[in-house]
Protein backbone atom coordinates (compact mmCIF):
# COMPACT_ATOMS: atom_id res chain seq x y z
CA MET A 1 79.55 77.18 141.86
CA ASP A 2 75.89 77.54 141.36
CA LYS A 3 73.80 77.62 138.16
CA PRO A 4 73.10 81.18 138.19
CA TRP A 5 76.80 81.56 136.96
CA LEU A 6 75.66 80.42 133.71
CA TYR A 7 73.71 83.62 133.38
CA ILE A 8 77.17 85.42 133.36
CA ILE A 9 79.19 82.74 131.44
CA VAL A 10 76.81 82.17 128.69
CA PRO A 11 76.81 85.88 127.43
CA PHE A 12 80.46 86.24 127.85
CA CYS A 13 81.08 83.01 125.69
CA SER A 14 78.32 84.18 123.31
CA ILE A 15 80.53 87.36 122.44
CA PHE A 16 83.42 85.18 121.40
CA ILE A 17 81.24 82.95 119.31
CA ILE A 18 79.47 85.92 117.47
CA VAL A 19 82.79 87.91 117.12
CA GLY A 20 84.57 84.58 115.66
CA GLY A 21 81.71 83.97 113.60
CA CYS A 22 81.46 87.46 111.90
CA LEU A 23 85.21 87.28 111.29
CA MET A 24 85.00 84.10 109.59
CA VAL A 25 81.85 85.10 107.35
CA SER A 26 83.56 88.39 106.60
CA ALA A 27 86.96 86.86 105.59
CA GLY A 28 85.06 83.97 103.93
CA ARG A 29 82.90 86.48 101.65
CA LYS A 30 86.00 88.59 100.83
CA ILE A 31 88.01 85.47 99.73
CA VAL A 32 85.33 84.24 97.35
CA LEU A 33 84.91 87.73 95.98
CA GLY A 34 88.51 87.80 95.22
CA ALA A 35 88.24 84.48 93.47
CA LYS A 36 85.00 85.52 91.64
CA ALA A 37 86.69 88.70 90.60
CA ARG A 38 89.03 86.66 88.08
CA HIS A 39 85.96 86.19 85.74
CA TRP A 40 84.97 89.84 86.00
CA PRO A 41 85.24 92.13 82.96
CA GLN A 42 88.28 94.14 82.62
CA THR A 43 88.93 97.83 81.61
CA THR A 44 91.94 100.36 81.75
CA GLY A 45 91.88 102.70 84.56
CA GLN A 46 94.02 105.26 85.91
CA VAL A 47 95.86 105.75 89.28
CA LEU A 48 94.91 109.11 90.84
CA SER A 49 96.76 108.85 94.09
CA VAL A 50 98.90 106.34 96.19
CA GLU A 51 99.91 107.00 99.77
CA SER A 52 101.22 104.76 102.76
CA LYS A 53 99.57 104.84 106.26
CA ASP A 54 101.74 103.57 108.85
CA THR A 55 100.19 102.86 112.26
CA SER A 56 102.07 101.82 115.36
CA ASP A 57 101.74 101.25 119.20
CA SER A 58 104.39 100.15 121.71
CA GLU A 59 104.04 96.47 120.60
CA SER A 60 103.52 96.45 116.80
CA SER A 61 103.40 98.55 113.66
CA SER A 62 101.27 97.96 110.42
CA ARG A 63 101.27 99.42 107.17
CA GLU A 64 98.74 99.94 104.40
CA ILE A 65 98.83 101.15 100.89
CA ARG A 66 95.96 103.27 99.82
CA VAL A 67 95.26 103.91 96.34
CA ARG A 68 92.41 105.74 94.24
CA TYR A 69 91.90 104.85 90.65
CA ALA A 70 89.23 106.02 88.21
CA TYR A 71 87.82 103.85 85.31
CA ARG A 72 85.09 104.08 82.68
CA VAL A 73 82.50 101.49 82.02
CA GLY A 74 79.68 102.09 79.49
CA GLY A 75 79.98 105.77 79.41
CA HIS A 76 80.18 106.12 83.12
CA ASP A 77 83.14 107.21 85.12
CA TYR A 78 84.00 105.36 88.62
CA GLU A 79 86.39 105.78 91.12
CA SER A 80 87.37 103.19 93.58
CA SER A 81 90.22 102.19 96.28
CA THR A 82 89.93 98.46 96.26
CA ILE A 83 93.33 96.70 95.63
CA HIS A 84 91.93 93.27 96.49
CA PRO A 85 88.94 92.52 98.54
CA THR A 86 91.01 90.94 101.28
CA TYR A 87 93.76 93.61 101.28
CA GLY A 88 94.27 95.67 104.47
CA SER A 89 96.49 96.77 106.95
CA SER A 90 99.25 94.28 108.24
CA SER A 91 102.62 93.95 109.46
CA PHE A 92 103.84 92.30 106.20
CA GLU A 93 106.07 94.94 105.15
CA GLN A 94 107.30 93.13 101.85
CA ALA A 95 103.86 92.90 100.44
CA HIS A 96 103.29 96.73 101.07
CA ARG A 97 106.60 97.52 99.78
CA GLY A 98 105.86 95.72 96.55
CA LEU A 99 102.53 97.49 96.17
CA GLU A 100 104.21 100.98 96.87
CA SER A 101 106.94 100.56 94.12
CA LEU A 102 104.45 99.09 91.67
CA LEU A 103 101.61 101.68 91.77
CA ARG A 104 102.33 105.47 90.77
CA SER A 105 100.06 108.33 90.32
CA THR A 106 98.94 108.81 86.57
CA GLN A 107 99.80 105.07 85.77
CA GLN A 108 97.57 103.05 83.72
CA VAL A 109 96.35 99.76 85.38
CA ARG A 110 93.94 96.97 84.66
CA VAL A 111 90.81 97.08 86.78
CA TYR A 112 88.36 94.15 87.11
CA TYR A 113 84.75 95.23 87.80
CA ASP A 114 81.56 93.46 88.56
CA GLY A 115 79.46 93.33 85.41
CA SER A 116 76.34 93.63 87.45
CA GLN A 117 77.49 96.58 89.75
CA PRO A 118 80.31 98.32 87.78
CA SER A 119 80.94 100.46 90.74
CA ARG A 120 82.59 97.37 92.56
CA SER A 121 86.03 96.82 91.30
CA THR A 122 89.59 95.72 92.15
CA LEU A 123 93.00 95.80 90.88
CA SER A 124 94.21 92.27 91.98
CA VAL A 125 92.11 88.94 91.89
CA GLY A 126 92.42 85.43 92.95
CA PHE A 127 93.32 83.80 96.21
CA TYR A 128 95.84 84.88 98.43
CA SER A 129 96.91 82.46 101.34
CA CYS A 130 97.51 85.30 103.71
CA SER A 131 93.96 86.08 103.54
CA LEU A 132 93.05 82.73 105.65
CA ALA A 133 94.90 84.51 108.61
CA SER A 134 91.55 86.65 109.38
CA PHE A 135 89.42 83.67 108.61
CA PHE A 136 91.14 81.38 111.21
CA GLY A 137 91.52 83.92 113.72
CA GLY A 138 87.83 84.10 113.66
CA PHE A 139 87.54 80.17 113.83
CA ILE A 140 89.73 80.38 117.00
CA PHE A 141 87.54 83.12 118.58
CA PHE A 142 84.52 80.98 117.65
CA GLY A 143 86.13 77.81 118.73
CA ALA A 144 87.21 79.22 122.18
CA GLY A 145 83.62 80.50 122.85
CA VAL A 146 82.08 77.13 122.00
CA GLY A 147 84.60 75.28 123.87
CA PHE A 148 84.55 77.42 127.07
CA LEU A 149 80.59 77.47 126.92
CA LEU A 150 80.52 73.73 126.83
CA THR A 151 82.96 73.25 129.51
CA PHE A 152 81.08 75.49 131.93
CA TRP A 153 77.96 74.31 130.81
CA PHE A 154 78.82 70.77 131.60
CA ALA A 155 80.86 71.59 134.80
CA LEU A 156 78.05 73.97 136.14
CA ALA A 157 74.78 72.39 134.92
CA GLY A 158 75.88 68.85 134.40
CA ASP A 159 75.18 65.78 136.53
CA TRP A 160 77.49 65.68 139.58
CA ASP A 161 75.79 62.78 141.45
CA PHE A 162 78.38 60.05 141.21
CA ALA A 163 76.85 58.31 144.20
CA ARG A 164 73.59 57.52 142.24
CA GLY A 165 75.56 55.00 140.01
CA ILE A 166 76.96 52.88 142.87
CA THR A 167 75.21 49.81 144.08
CA VAL A 168 76.05 48.72 147.62
CA ILE A 169 75.81 44.83 147.93
CA ARG A 170 76.39 44.65 151.59
């Protein structure tokens, strides 16, 4: 192989690095937001609607509970749909069933809202270990991109002149 291959390999590996980095940053922000939300002010809200969205293909299926709720802060009405900053579609059926059995239309619920931006709210707060799955998924992409990039870099652009290190005495 010749060094021009690096013009193909570097962009290819960079895609993995960028995608992995974005996944890690996004997941990290959501994890931190869920933890910070513990200290947000609270108000009472009302569930407007609850629905289950199932998606599947030939290899897997996933589910997501979608909720809409309304709440009032400082004389202003708000609507939101955030259950938890890290919550989303997944194949963890038990978690979705628990939400579906708990949330019903017209129910009153505790709403945590950001005091500096009341339109941002969530029903559940804190850290959930399952949220680390997307963080570590991003880490794997990032690590694979860096690993392949370094492997190809040293293999293609590295020093292959082993004869230079040999001293012939006779």
